[in-house]
Amino acid sequence: MKEIIATKKAPAAIGPYSQATKFNGLVFVSGQLPIDPETGNLSTGSIGEQTTLVMNNVANIIAEAGSSMDKVLKTTILLKDINDFAEVNEAYGKFFTSNPPARACFQVAALPKGASIEIEVICAC
């Protein structure tokens, strides 16, 4: 049975979706924007700071689901500007110091709320 995952330690969904769903030993985390969960404001910091905020939000959602970052299997990073890749990669890499997950990274035309980055994750429980 599908379980809905929600935590106040990450931004609330801004549409008809859940922060994450859990099913059959897997957690599917919806794309996370660099939104401060306490204020609801989109970060205007550097792309590295935005990446760290997104990954902290992801980690909080995964923890609420009873899992951890070391069980992340796959991530997808969406960037408004692929030229941000090196700085994003540096900040992202701090969350996966060994055995990093599979990953895809794409430049997209636009993201919700005018964000510069969005990251979605699939992890094991």
PDB file of N, CA and C in Angstrom:
ATOM      1  N   MET A   1       0.830  -1.180   0.000  1.00  0.00           N
ATOM      2  CA  MET A   1       0.000   0.000   0.000  1.00  0.00           C
ATOM      3  C   MET A   1       0.881   1.253   0.000  1.00  0.00           C
ATOM      4  N   LYS A   2       0.538   2.230  -0.785  1.00  0.00           N
ATOM      5  CA  LYS A   2       1.287   3.471  -0.886  1.00  0.00           C
ATOM      6  C   LYS A   2       1.104   4.296   0.391  1.00  0.00           C
ATOM      7  N   GLU A   3       2.232   4.825   0.894  1.00  0.00           N
ATOM      8  CA  GLU A   3       2.215   5.677   2.079  1.00  0.00           C
ATOM      9  C   GLU A   3       2.676   7.077   1.671  1.00  0.00           C
ATOM     10  N   ILE A   4       1.944   8.079   2.112  1.00  0.00           N
ATOM     11  CA  ILE A   4       2.296   9.470   1.849  1.00  0.00           C
ATOM     12  C   ILE A   4       3.261   9.934   2.930  1.00  0.00           C
ATOM     13  N   ILE A   5       4.362  10.568   2.516  1.00  0.00           N
ATOM     14  CA  ILE A   5       5.363  11.075   3.446  1.00  0.00           C
ATOM     15  C   ILE A   5       5.270  12.594   3.469  1.00  0.00           C
ATOM     16  N   ALA A   6       5.225  13.165   4.665  1.00  0.00           N
ATOM     17  CA  ALA A   6       5.176  14.623   4.815  1.00  0.00           C
ATOM     18  C   ALA A   6       5.906  15.024   6.086  1.00  0.00           C
ATOM     19  N   THR A   7       6.668  16.101   5.994  1.00  0.00           N
ATOM     20  CA  THR A   7       7.369  16.652   7.146  1.00  0.00           C
ATOM     21  C   THR A   7       7.350  18.174   7.082  1.00  0.00           C
ATOM     22  N   LYS A   8       7.323  18.805   8.235  1.00  0.00           N
ATOM     23  CA  LYS A   8       7.406  20.262   8.300  1.00  0.00           C
ATOM     24  C   LYS A   8       8.851  20.733   8.172  1.00  0.00           C
ATOM     25  N   LYS A   9       9.802  19.793   8.133  1.00  0.00           N
ATOM     26  CA  LYS A   9      11.223  20.124   8.001  1.00  0.00           C
ATOM     27  C   LYS A   9      11.636  20.288   6.534  1.00  0.00           C
ATOM     28  N   ALA A  10      10.656  20.305   5.650  1.00  0.00           N
ATOM     29  CA  ALA A  10      10.879  20.542   4.226  1.00  0.00           C
ATOM     30  C   ALA A  10       9.686  21.347   3.722  1.00  0.00           C
ATOM     31  N   PRO A  11       9.845  22.052   2.592  1.00  0.00           N
ATOM     32  CA  PRO A  11       8.732  22.871   2.092  1.00  0.00           C
ATOM     33  C   PRO A  11       7.495  22.034   1.772  1.00  0.00           C
ATOM     34  N   ALA A  12       6.353  22.598   2.059  1.00  0.00           N
ATOM     35  CA  ALA A  12       5.086  21.946   1.715  1.00  0.00           C
ATOM     36  C   ALA A  12       4.952  21.888   0.193  1.00  0.00           C
ATOM     37  N   ALA A  13       4.238  20.912  -0.285  1.00  0.00           N
ATOM     38  CA  ALA A  13       3.980  20.793  -1.721  1.00  0.00           C
ATOM     39  C   ALA A  13       3.244  22.040  -2.200  1.00  0.00           C
ATOM     40  N   ILE A  14       3.596  22.515  -3.407  1.00  0.00           N
ATOM     41  CA  ILE A  14       2.945  23.714  -3.954  1.00  0.00           C
ATOM     42  C   ILE A  14       1.936  23.351  -5.041  1.00  0.00           C
ATOM     43  N   GLY A  15       1.509  22.117  -5.044  1.00  0.00           N
ATOM     44  CA  GLY A  15       0.543  21.648  -6.027  1.00  0.00           C
ATOM     45  C   GLY A  15      -0.058  20.333  -5.570  1.00  0.00           C
ATOM     46  N   PRO A  16      -0.768  19.655  -6.458  1.00  0.00           N
ATOM     47  CA  PRO A  16      -1.425  18.396  -6.110  1.00  0.00           C
ATOM     48  C   PRO A  16      -0.453  17.207  -6.147  1.00  0.00           C
ATOM     49  N   TYR A  17       0.500  17.215  -5.239  1.00  0.00           N
ATOM     50  CA  TYR A  17       1.460  16.128  -5.112  1.00  0.00           C
ATOM     51  C   TYR A  17       1.915  16.044  -3.668  1.00  0.00           C
ATOM     52  N   SER A  18       2.621  14.984  -3.331  1.00  0.00           N
ATOM     53  CA  SER A  18       3.138  14.766  -1.982  1.00  0.00           C
ATOM     54  C   SER A  18       4.631  15.057  -1.966  1.00  0.00           C
ATOM     55  N   GLN A  19       5.168  15.386  -0.790  1.00  0.00           N
ATOM     56  CA  GLN A  19       6.618  15.547  -0.681  1.00  0.00           C
ATOM     57  C   GLN A  19       7.306  14.256  -1.120  1.00  0.00           C
ATOM     58  N   ALA A  20       6.724  13.140  -0.717  1.00  0.00           N
ATOM     59  CA  ALA A  20       7.251  11.829  -1.119  1.00  0.00           C
ATOM     60  C   ALA A  20       6.172  10.776  -0.940  1.00  0.00           C
ATOM     61  N   THR A  21       6.388   9.663  -1.612  1.00  0.00           N
ATOM     62  CA  THR A  21       5.557   8.485  -1.394  1.00  0.00           C
ATOM     63  C   THR A  21       6.491   7.308  -1.132  1.00  0.00           C
ATOM     64  N   LYS A  22       5.984   6.380  -0.346  1.00  0.00           N
ATOM     65  CA  LYS A  22       6.745   5.185   0.019  1.00  0.00           C
ATOM     66  C   LYS A  22       5.937   3.976  -0.445  1.00  0.00           C
ATOM     67  N   PHE A  23       6.623   3.062  -1.135  1.00  0.00           N
ATOM     68  CA  PHE A  23       5.935   1.882  -1.640  1.00  0.00           C
ATOM     69  C   PHE A  23       6.933   0.757  -1.854  1.00  0.00           C
ATOM     70  N   ASN A  24       6.604  -0.397  -1.327  1.00  0.00           N
ATOM     71  CA  ASN A  24       7.365  -1.619  -1.599  1.00  0.00           C
ATOM     72  C   ASN A  24       8.877  -1.449  -1.366  1.00  0.00           C
ATOM     73  N   GLY A  25       9.228  -0.802  -0.253  1.00  0.00           N
ATOM     74  CA  GLY A  25      10.633  -0.661   0.106  1.00  0.00           C
ATOM     75  C   GLY A  25      11.373   0.478  -0.567  1.00  0.00           C
ATOM     76  N   LEU A  26      10.649   1.317  -1.316  1.00  0.00           N
ATOM     77  CA  LEU A  26      11.266   2.459  -1.986  1.00  0.00           C
ATOM     78  C   LEU A  26      10.587   3.759  -1.570  1.00  0.00           C
ATOM     79  N   VAL A  27      11.362   4.841  -1.577  1.00  0.00           N
ATOM     80  CA  VAL A  27      10.833   6.175  -1.305  1.00  0.00           C
ATOM     81  C   VAL A  27      11.076   7.015  -2.553  1.00  0.00           C
ATOM     82  N   PHE A  28      10.028   7.650  -3.039  1.00  0.00           N
ATOM     83  CA  PHE A  28      10.088   8.507  -4.216  1.00  0.00           C
ATOM     84  C   PHE A  28       9.875   9.941  -3.748  1.00  0.00           C
ATOM     85  N   VAL A  29      10.943  10.737  -3.765  1.00  0.00           N
ATOM     86  CA  VAL A  29      10.874  12.120  -3.293  1.00  0.00           C
ATOM     87  C   VAL A  29      10.593  13.027  -4.489  1.00  0.00           C
ATOM     88  N   SER A  30       9.529  13.811  -4.374  1.00  0.00           N
ATOM     89  CA  SER A  30       9.196  14.766  -5.429  1.00  0.00           C
ATOM     90  C   SER A  30      10.313  15.775  -5.597  1.00  0.00           C
ATOM     91  N   GLY A  31      10.371  16.386  -6.763  1.00  0.00           N
ATOM     92  CA  GLY A  31      11.373  17.406  -7.022  1.00  0.00           C
ATOM     93  C   GLY A  31      11.310  18.505  -5.977  1.00  0.00           C
ATOM     94  N   GLN A  32      12.456  18.815  -5.398  1.00  0.00           N
ATOM     95  CA  GLN A  32      12.547  19.837  -4.359  1.00  0.00           C
ATOM     96  C   GLN A  32      13.241  21.074  -4.898  1.00  0.00           C
ATOM     97  N   LEU A  33      12.644  22.223  -4.621  1.00  0.00           N
ATOM     98  CA  LEU A  33      13.207  23.518  -4.992  1.00  0.00           C
ATOM     99  C   LEU A  33      13.977  24.077  -3.798  1.00  0.00           C
ATOM    100  N   PRO A  34      14.814  25.090  -4.009  1.00  0.00           N
ATOM    101  CA  PRO A  34      15.549  25.691  -2.899  1.00  0.00           C
ATOM    102  C   PRO A  34      14.668  26.641  -2.088  1.00  0.00           C
ATOM    103  N   ILE A  35      13.719  26.056  -1.384  1.00  0.00           N
ATOM    104  CA  ILE A  35      12.773  26.825  -0.567  1.00  0.00           C
ATOM    105  C   ILE A  35      13.078  26.566   0.899  1.00  0.00           C
ATOM    106  N   ASP A  36      13.167  27.638   1.655  1.00  0.00           N
ATOM    107  CA  ASP A  36      13.375  27.537   3.104  1.00  0.00           C
ATOM    108  C   ASP A  36      12.077  27.039   3.729  1.00  0.00           C
ATOM    109  N   PRO A  37      12.108  25.879   4.404  1.00  0.00           N
ATOM    110  CA  PRO A  37      10.864  25.335   4.949  1.00  0.00           C
ATOM    111  C   PRO A  37      10.264  26.192   6.065  1.00  0.00           C
ATOM    112  N   GLU A  38      11.068  27.007   6.729  1.00  0.00           N
ATOM    113  CA  GLU A  38      10.550  27.854   7.812  1.00  0.00           C
ATOM    114  C   GLU A  38       9.839  29.092   7.286  1.00  0.00           C
ATOM    115  N   THR A  39      10.354  29.676   6.205  1.00  0.00           N
ATOM    116  CA  THR A  39       9.768  30.926   5.693  1.00  0.00           C
ATOM    117  C   THR A  39       8.907  30.713   4.453  1.00  0.00           C
ATOM    118  N   GLY A  40       9.157  29.623   3.732  1.00  0.00           N
ATOM    119  CA  GLY A  40       8.461  29.387   2.471  1.00  0.00           C
ATOM    120  C   GLY A  40       9.034  30.202   1.326  1.00  0.00           C
ATOM    121  N   ASN A  41      10.169  30.894   1.568  1.00  0.00           N
ATOM    122  CA  ASN A  41      10.771  31.737   0.546  1.00  0.00           C
ATOM    123  C   ASN A  41      11.788  30.967  -0.290  1.00  0.00           C
ATOM    124  N   LEU A  42      11.832  31.298  -1.565  1.00  0.00           N
ATOM    125  CA  LEU A  42      12.816  30.749  -2.478  1.00  0.00           C
ATOM    126  C   LEU A  42      14.166  31.389  -2.175  1.00  0.00           C
ATOM    127  N   SER A  43      15.206  30.576  -2.080  1.00  0.00           N
ATOM    128  CA  SER A  43      16.548  31.075  -1.782  1.00  0.00           C
ATOM    129  C   SER A  43      17.071  31.933  -2.926  1.00  0.00           C
ATOM    130  N   THR A  44      17.749  32.999  -2.563  1.00  0.00           N
ATOM    131  CA  THR A  44      18.400  33.855  -3.545  1.00  0.00           C
ATOM    132  C   THR A  44      19.922  33.771  -3.406  1.00  0.00           C
ATOM    133  N   GLY A  45      20.401  32.789  -2.635  1.00  0.00           N
ATOM    134  CA  GLY A  45      21.831  32.603  -2.440  1.00  0.00           C
ATOM    135  C   GLY A  45      22.495  32.045  -3.689  1.00  0.00           C
ATOM    136  N   SER A  46      23.774  31.758  -3.565  1.00  0.00           N
ATOM    137  CA  SER A  46      24.524  31.169  -4.683  1.00  0.00           C
ATOM    138  C   SER A  46      23.912  29.823  -5.053  1.00  0.00           C
ATOM    139  N   ILE A  47      24.220  29.338  -6.238  1.00  0.00           N
ATOM    140  CA  ILE A  47      23.685  28.035  -6.662  1.00  0.00           C
ATOM    141  C   ILE A  47      24.190  26.926  -5.743  1.00  0.00           C
ATOM    142  N   GLY A  48      25.394  27.079  -5.187  1.00  0.00           N
ATOM    143  CA  GLY A  48      25.893  26.101  -4.217  1.00  0.00           C
ATOM    144  C   GLY A  48      25.055  26.107  -2.949  1.00  0.00           C
ATOM    145  N   GLU A  49      24.707  27.294  -2.467  1.00  0.00           N
ATOM    146  CA  GLU A  49      23.856  27.409  -1.274  1.00  0.00           C
ATOM    147  C   GLU A  49      22.461  26.854  -1.560  1.00  0.00           C
ATOM    148  N   GLN A  50      21.954  27.116  -2.747  1.00  0.00           N
ATOM    149  CA  GLN A  50      20.636  26.594  -3.115  1.00  0.00           C
ATOM    150  C   GLN A  50      20.662  25.069  -3.173  1.00  0.00           C
ATOM    151  N   THR A  51      21.727  24.518  -3.726  1.00  0.00           N
ATOM    152  CA  THR A  51      21.864  23.062  -3.807  1.00  0.00           C
ATOM    153  C   THR A  51      21.888  22.453  -2.410  1.00  0.00           C
ATOM    154  N   THR A  52      22.633  23.063  -1.506  1.00  0.00           N
ATOM    155  CA  THR A  52      22.704  22.568  -0.125  1.00  0.00           C
ATOM    156  C   THR A  52      21.336  22.616   0.529  1.00  0.00           C
ATOM    157  N   LEU A  53      20.590  23.692   0.329  1.00  0.00           N
ATOM    158  CA  LEU A  53      19.241  23.798   0.897  1.00  0.00           C
ATOM    159  C   LEU A  53      18.340  22.705   0.340  1.00  0.00           C
ATOM    160  N   VAL A  54      18.385  22.493  -0.965  1.00  0.00           N
ATOM    161  CA  VAL A  54      17.578  21.432  -1.587  1.00  0.00           C
ATOM    162  C   VAL A  54      17.943  20.079  -0.991  1.00  0.00           C
ATOM    163  N   MET A  55      19.222  19.785  -0.896  1.00  0.00           N
ATOM    164  CA  MET A  55      19.653  18.481  -0.393  1.00  0.00           C
ATOM    165  C   MET A  55      19.310  18.301   1.084  1.00  0.00           C
ATOM    166  N   ASN A  56      19.370  19.358   1.876  1.00  0.00           N
ATOM    167  CA  ASN A  56      18.926  19.267   3.274  1.00  0.00           C
ATOM    168  C   ASN A  56      17.437  18.965   3.342  1.00  0.00           C
ATOM    169  N   ASN A  57      16.650  19.596   2.475  1.00  0.00           N
ATOM    170  CA  ASN A  57      15.209  19.314   2.433  1.00  0.00           C
ATOM    171  C   ASN A  57      14.959  17.860   2.037  1.00  0.00           C
ATOM    172  N   VAL A  58      15.692  17.388   1.036  1.00  0.00           N
ATOM    173  CA  VAL A  58      15.583  15.987   0.614  1.00  0.00           C
ATOM    174  C   VAL A  58      15.922  15.064   1.781  1.00  0.00           C
ATOM    175  N   ALA A  59      17.027  15.351   2.478  1.00  0.00           N
ATOM    176  CA  ALA A  59      17.449  14.507   3.611  1.00  0.00           C
ATOM    177  C   ALA A  59      16.374  14.467   4.689  1.00  0.00           C
ATOM    178  N   ASN A  60      15.717  15.593   4.951  1.00  0.00           N
ATOM    179  CA  ASN A  60      14.657  15.629   5.964  1.00  0.00           C
ATOM    180  C   ASN A  60      13.444  14.804   5.542  1.00  0.00           C
ATOM    181  N   ILE A  61      13.106  14.842   4.278  1.00  0.00           N
ATOM    182  CA  ILE A  61      11.983  14.037   3.778  1.00  0.00           C
ATOM    183  C   ILE A  61      12.326  12.555   3.866  1.00  0.00           C
ATOM    184  N   ILE A  62      13.535  12.214   3.446  1.00  0.00           N
ATOM    185  CA  ILE A  62      13.964  10.809   3.504  1.00  0.00           C
ATOM    186  C   ILE A  62      13.973  10.305   4.947  1.00  0.00           C
ATOM    187  N   ALA A  63      14.442  11.131   5.877  1.00  0.00           N
ATOM    188  CA  ALA A  63      14.450  10.741   7.295  1.00  0.00           C
ATOM    189  C   ALA A  63      13.026  10.509   7.793  1.00  0.00           C
ATOM    190  N   GLU A  64      12.093  11.359   7.385  1.00  0.00           N
ATOM    191  CA  GLU A  64      10.686  11.188   7.780  1.00  0.00           C
ATOM    192  C   GLU A  64      10.139   9.858   7.274  1.00  0.00           C
ATOM    193  N   ALA A  65      10.657   9.407   6.137  1.00  0.00           N
ATOM    194  CA  ALA A  65      10.218   8.130   5.559  1.00  0.00           C
ATOM    195  C   ALA A  65      10.904   6.937   6.218  1.00  0.00           C
ATOM    196  N   GLY A  66      11.851   7.209   7.143  1.00  0.00           N
ATOM    197  CA  GLY A  66      12.545   6.127   7.833  1.00  0.00           C
ATOM    198  C   GLY A  66      13.773   5.628   7.100  1.00  0.00           C
ATOM    199  N   SER A  67      14.304   6.448   6.208  1.00  0.00           N
ATOM    200  CA  SER A  67      15.484   6.051   5.454  1.00  0.00           C
ATOM    201  C   SER A  67      16.598   7.066   5.698  1.00  0.00           C
ATOM    202  N   SER A  68      17.643   7.003   4.865  1.00  0.00           N
ATOM    203  CA  SER A  68      18.778   7.911   5.031  1.00  0.00           C
ATOM    204  C   SER A  68      19.454   8.146   3.683  1.00  0.00           C
ATOM    205  N   MET A  69      20.290   9.165   3.631  1.00  0.00           N
ATOM    206  CA  MET A  69      20.947   9.548   2.388  1.00  0.00           C
ATOM    207  C   MET A  69      21.851   8.441   1.835  1.00  0.00           C
ATOM    208  N   ASP A  70      22.378   7.591   2.697  1.00  0.00           N
ATOM    209  CA  ASP A  70      23.238   6.517   2.199  1.00  0.00           C
ATOM    210  C   ASP A  70      22.449   5.436   1.454  1.00  0.00           C
ATOM    211  N   LYS A  71      21.125   5.536   1.470  1.00  0.00           N
ATOM    212  CA  LYS A  71      20.286   4.573   0.753  1.00  0.00           C
ATOM    213  C   LYS A  71      19.699   5.158  -0.530  1.00  0.00           C
ATOM    214  N   VAL A  72      20.166   6.372  -0.909  1.00  0.00           N
ATOM    215  CA  VAL A  72      19.689   6.982  -2.150  1.00  0.00           C
ATOM    216  C   VAL A  72      20.215   6.178  -3.328  1.00  0.00           C
ATOM    217  N   LEU A  73      19.316   5.806  -4.228  1.00  0.00           N
ATOM    218  CA  LEU A  73      19.656   4.984  -5.387  1.00  0.00           C
ATOM    219  C   LEU A  73      19.834   5.806  -6.656  1.00  0.00           C
ATOM    220  N   LYS A  74      19.026   6.873  -6.810  1.00  0.00           N
ATOM    221  CA  LYS A  74      19.004   7.638  -8.055  1.00  0.00           C
ATOM    222  C   LYS A  74      18.551   9.052  -7.766  1.00  0.00           C
ATOM    223  N   THR A  75      19.225  10.019  -8.381  1.00  0.00           N
ATOM    224  CA  THR A  75      18.793  11.406  -8.304  1.00  0.00           C
ATOM    225  C   THR A  75      18.667  11.966  -9.713  1.00  0.00           C
ATOM    226  N   THR A  76      17.823  12.969  -9.831  1.00  0.00           N
ATOM    227  CA  THR A  76      17.716  13.726 -11.078  1.00  0.00           C
ATOM    228  C   THR A  76      17.815  15.196 -10.702  1.00  0.00           C
ATOM    229  N   ILE A  77      18.747  15.894 -11.335  1.00  0.00           N
ATOM    230  CA  ILE A  77      18.957  17.320 -11.087  1.00  0.00           C
ATOM    231  C   ILE A  77      18.510  18.083 -12.326  1.00  0.00           C
ATOM    232  N   LEU A  78      17.652  19.070 -12.119  1.00  0.00           N
ATOM    233  CA  LEU A  78      17.199  19.948 -13.189  1.00  0.00           C
ATOM    234  C   LEU A  78      17.782  21.329 -12.927  1.00  0.00           C
ATOM    235  N   LEU A  79      18.480  21.882 -13.917  1.00  0.00           N
ATOM    236  CA  LEU A  79      19.120  23.187 -13.773  1.00  0.00           C
ATOM    237  C   LEU A  79      18.590  24.172 -14.802  1.00  0.00           C
ATOM    238  N   LYS A  80      18.410  25.409 -14.364  1.00  0.00           N
ATOM    239  CA  LYS A  80      18.045  26.462 -15.308  1.00  0.00           C
ATOM    240  C   LYS A  80      19.234  26.788 -16.210  1.00  0.00           C
ATOM    241  N   ASP A  81      20.462  26.630 -15.686  1.00  0.00           N
ATOM    242  CA  ASP A  81      21.669  26.942 -16.448  1.00  0.00           C
ATOM    243  C   ASP A  81      22.714  25.849 -16.215  1.00  0.00           C
ATOM    244  N   ILE A  82      23.018  25.089 -17.245  1.00  0.00           N
ATOM    245  CA  ILE A  82      23.982  23.985 -17.131  1.00  0.00           C
ATOM    246  C   ILE A  82      25.374  24.499 -16.770  1.00  0.00           C
ATOM    247  N   ASN A  83      25.634  25.779 -16.956  1.00  0.00           N
ATOM    248  CA  ASN A  83      26.916  26.354 -16.560  1.00  0.00           C
ATOM    249  C   ASN A  83      27.097  26.349 -15.040  1.00  0.00           C
ATOM    250  N   ASP A  84      26.021  26.110 -14.296  1.00  0.00           N
ATOM    251  CA  ASP A  84      26.090  25.991 -12.835  1.00  0.00           C
ATOM    252  C   ASP A  84      26.545  24.600 -12.393  1.00  0.00           C
ATOM    253  N   PHE A  85      26.745  23.704 -13.352  1.00  0.00           N
ATOM    254  CA  PHE A  85      27.009  22.297 -13.044  1.00  0.00           C
ATOM    255  C   PHE A  85      28.157  22.099 -12.055  1.00  0.00           C
ATOM    256  N   ALA A  86      29.288  22.744 -12.252  1.00  0.00           N
ATOM    257  CA  ALA A  86      30.458  22.520 -11.389  1.00  0.00           C
ATOM    258  C   ALA A  86      30.157  22.913  -9.937  1.00  0.00           C
ATOM    259  N   GLU A  87      29.522  24.059  -9.732  1.00  0.00           N
ATOM    260  CA  GLU A  87      29.216  24.504  -8.370  1.00  0.00           C
ATOM    261  C   GLU A  87      28.153  23.609  -7.727  1.00  0.00           C
ATOM    262  N   VAL A  88      27.170  23.207  -8.505  1.00  0.00           N
ATOM    263  CA  VAL A  88      26.144  22.281  -8.009  1.00  0.00           C
ATOM    264  C   VAL A  88      26.793  20.955  -7.630  1.00  0.00           C
ATOM    265  N   ASN A  89      27.656  20.460  -8.494  1.00  0.00           N
ATOM    266  CA  ASN A  89      28.322  19.182  -8.265  1.00  0.00           C
ATOM    267  C   ASN A  89      29.126  19.207  -6.963  1.00  0.00           C
ATOM    268  N   GLU A  90      29.806  20.327  -6.705  1.00  0.00           N
ATOM    269  CA  GLU A  90      30.610  20.445  -5.484  1.00  0.00           C
ATOM    270  C   GLU A  90      29.725  20.371  -4.238  1.00  0.00           C
ATOM    271  N   ALA A  91      28.630  21.130  -4.224  1.00  0.00           N
ATOM    272  CA  ALA A  91      27.725  21.125  -3.062  1.00  0.00           C
ATOM    273  C   ALA A  91      27.022  19.778  -2.921  1.00  0.00           C
ATOM    274  N   TYR A  92      26.552  19.220  -4.024  1.00  0.00           N
ATOM    275  CA  TYR A  92      25.851  17.935  -4.051  1.00  0.00           C
ATOM    276  C   TYR A  92      26.759  16.820  -3.537  1.00  0.00           C
ATOM    277  N   GLY A  93      28.018  16.853  -3.955  1.00  0.00           N
ATOM    278  CA  GLY A  93      28.969  15.801  -3.591  1.00  0.00           C
ATOM    279  C   GLY A  93      29.201  15.672  -2.103  1.00  0.00           C
ATOM    280  N   LYS A  94      28.996  16.726  -1.353  1.00  0.00           N
ATOM    281  CA  LYS A  94      29.175  16.688   0.105  1.00  0.00           C
ATOM    282  C   LYS A  94      28.146  15.781   0.780  1.00  0.00           C
ATOM    283  N   PHE A  95      27.062  15.488   0.100  1.00  0.00           N
ATOM    284  CA  PHE A  95      26.017  14.623   0.652  1.00  0.00           C
ATOM    285  C   PHE A  95      26.258  13.148   0.330  1.00  0.00           C
ATOM    286  N   PHE A  96      27.196  12.873  -0.581  1.00  0.00           N
ATOM    287  CA  PHE A  96      27.479  11.503  -1.006  1.00  0.00           C
ATOM    288  C   PHE A  96      28.996  11.314  -1.079  1.00  0.00           C
ATOM    289  N   THR A  97      29.627  11.180   0.066  1.00  0.00           N
ATOM    290  CA  THR A  97      31.087  11.096   0.117  1.00  0.00           C
ATOM    291  C   THR A  97      31.618   9.722  -0.289  1.00  0.00           C
ATOM    292  N   SER A  98      30.779   8.699  -0.233  1.00  0.00           N
ATOM    293  CA  SER A  98      31.172   7.379  -0.718  1.00  0.00           C
ATOM    294  C   SER A  98      29.946   6.697  -1.323  1.00  0.00           C
ATOM    295  N   ASN A  99      30.171   5.848  -2.283  1.00  0.00           N
ATOM    296  CA  ASN A  99      29.102   5.108  -2.951  1.00  0.00           C
ATOM    297  C   ASN A  99      27.955   6.014  -3.417  1.00  0.00           C
ATOM    298  N   PRO A 100      28.254   7.001  -4.253  1.00  0.00           N
ATOM    299  CA  PRO A 100      27.188   7.910  -4.704  1.00  0.00           C
ATOM    300  C   PRO A 100      26.151   7.181  -5.549  1.00  0.00           C
ATOM    301  N   PRO A 101      24.938   7.722  -5.582  1.00  0.00           N
ATOM    302  CA  PRO A 101      23.863   7.100  -6.368  1.00  0.00           C
ATOM    303  C   PRO A 101      24.029   7.375  -7.856  1.00  0.00           C
ATOM    304  N   ALA A 102      23.245   6.688  -8.652  1.00  0.00           N
ATOM    305  CA  ALA A 102      23.135   7.013 -10.073  1.00  0.00           C
ATOM    306  C   ALA A 102      22.504   8.403 -10.172  1.00  0.00           C
ATOM    307  N   ARG A 103      22.798   9.106 -11.282  1.00  0.00           N
ATOM    308  CA  ARG A 103      22.296  10.478 -11.380  1.00  0.00           C
ATOM    309  C   ARG A 103      22.142  10.888 -12.831  1.00  0.00           C
ATOM    310  N   ALA A 104      21.172  11.748 -13.067  1.00  0.00           N
ATOM    311  CA  ALA A 104      21.029  12.436 -14.350  1.00  0.00           C
ATOM    312  C   ALA A 104      20.963  13.927 -14.038  1.00  0.00           C
ATOM    313  N   CYS A 105      21.458  14.746 -14.959  1.00  0.00           N
ATOM    314  CA  CYS A 105      21.419  16.191 -14.775  1.00  0.00           C
ATOM    315  C   CYS A 105      21.077  16.821 -16.118  1.00  0.00           C
ATOM    316  N   PHE A 106      20.073  17.706 -16.125  1.00  0.00           N
ATOM    317  CA  PHE A 106      19.595  18.321 -17.359  1.00  0.00           C
ATOM    318  C   PHE A 106      19.447  19.819 -17.186  1.00  0.00           C
ATOM    319  N   GLN A 107      19.679  20.557 -18.256  1.00  0.00           N
ATOM    320  CA  GLN A 107      19.269  21.960 -18.300  1.00  0.00           C
ATOM    321  C   GLN A 107      17.839  21.978 -18.822  1.00  0.00           C
ATOM    322  N   VAL A 108      17.000  22.799 -18.202  1.00  0.00           N
ATOM    323  CA  VAL A 108      15.602  22.912 -18.608  1.00  0.00           C
ATOM    324  C   VAL A 108      15.284  24.373 -18.904  1.00  0.00           C
ATOM    325  N   ALA A 109      14.214  24.593 -19.631  1.00  0.00           N
ATOM    326  CA  ALA A 109      13.842  25.953 -20.020  1.00  0.00           C
ATOM    327  C   ALA A 109      13.395  26.789 -18.820  1.00  0.00           C
ATOM    328  N   ALA A 110      12.683  26.165 -17.886  1.00  0.00           N
ATOM    329  CA  ALA A 110      12.182  26.899 -16.727  1.00  0.00           C
ATOM    330  C   ALA A 110      11.796  25.917 -15.637  1.00  0.00           C
ATOM    331  N   LEU A 111      11.803  26.406 -14.401  1.00  0.00           N
ATOM    332  CA  LEU A 111      11.387  25.614 -13.247  1.00  0.00           C
ATOM    333  C   LEU A 111      10.317  26.388 -12.477  1.00  0.00           C
ATOM    334  N   PRO A 112       9.494  25.688 -11.670  1.00  0.00           N
ATOM    335  CA  PRO A 112       8.472  26.381 -10.896  1.00  0.00           C
ATOM    336  C   PRO A 112       9.064  27.494 -10.031  1.00  0.00           C
ATOM    337  N   LYS A 113       8.306  28.555  -9.857  1.00  0.00           N
ATOM    338  CA  LYS A 113       8.674  29.711  -9.033  1.00  0.00           C
ATOM    339  C   LYS A 113       9.926  30.429  -9.521  1.00  0.00           C
ATOM    340  N   GLY A 114      10.372  30.136 -10.746  1.00  0.00           N
ATOM    341  CA  GLY A 114      11.575  30.762 -11.278  1.00  0.00           C
ATOM    342  C   GLY A 114      12.853  30.233 -10.657  1.00  0.00           C
ATOM    343  N   ALA A 115      12.783  29.047 -10.048  1.00  0.00           N
ATOM    344  CA  ALA A 115      13.938  28.457  -9.374  1.00  0.00           C
ATOM    345  C   ALA A 115      15.056  28.147 -10.365  1.00  0.00           C
ATOM    346  N   SER A 116      16.281  28.052  -9.829  1.00  0.00           N
ATOM    347  CA  SER A 116      17.450  27.718 -10.640  1.00  0.00           C
ATOM    348  C   SER A 116      17.790  26.241 -10.598  1.00  0.00           C
ATOM    349  N   ILE A 117      17.225  25.511  -9.617  1.00  0.00           N
ATOM    350  CA  ILE A 117      17.544  24.094  -9.444  1.00  0.00           C
ATOM    351  C   ILE A 117      16.348  23.359  -8.850  1.00  0.00           C
ATOM    352  N   GLU A 118      16.200  22.103  -9.241  1.00  0.00           N
ATOM    353  CA  GLU A 118      15.217  21.186  -8.658  1.00  0.00           C
ATOM    354  C   GLU A 118      15.864  19.805  -8.643  1.00  0.00           C
ATOM    355  N   ILE A 119      15.682  19.076  -7.534  1.00  0.00           N
ATOM    356  CA  ILE A 119      16.262  17.736  -7.430  1.00  0.00           C
ATOM    357  C   ILE A 119      15.205  16.764  -6.932  1.00  0.00           C
ATOM    358  N   GLU A 120      15.085  15.625  -7.630  1.00  0.00           N
ATOM    359  CA  GLU A 120      14.208  14.534  -7.178  1.00  0.00           C
ATOM    360  C   GLU A 120      15.065  13.325  -6.865  1.00  0.00           C
ATOM    361  N   VAL A 121      14.553  12.449  -5.988  1.00  0.00           N
ATOM    362  CA  VAL A 121      15.349  11.351  -5.471  1.00  0.00           C
ATOM    363  C   VAL A 121      14.502  10.084  -5.346  1.00  0.00           C
ATOM    364  N   ILE A 122      15.144   8.937  -5.575  1.00  0.00           N
ATOM    365  CA  ILE A 122      14.562   7.642  -5.275  1.00  0.00           C
ATOM    366  C   ILE A 122      15.533   6.956  -4.313  1.00  0.00           C
ATOM    367  N   CYS A 123      15.012   6.443  -3.196  1.00  0.00           N
ATOM    368  CA  CYS A 123      15.887   5.746  -2.257  1.00  0.00           C
ATOM    369  C   CYS A 123      15.219   4.484  -1.711  1.00  0.00           C
ATOM    370  N   ALA A 124      16.033   3.627  -1.148  1.00  0.00           N
ATOM    371  CA  ALA A 124      15.546   2.423  -0.506  1.00  0.00           C
ATOM    372  C   ALA A 124      15.202   2.740   0.954  1.00  0.00           C
ATOM    373  N   CYS A 125      14.328   1.935   1.527  1.00  0.00           N
ATOM    374  CA  CYS A 125      13.975   2.128   2.947  1.00  0.00           C
ATOM    375  C   CYS A 125      14.895   1.307   3.825  1.00  0.00           C
TER     376      CYS A 125
END
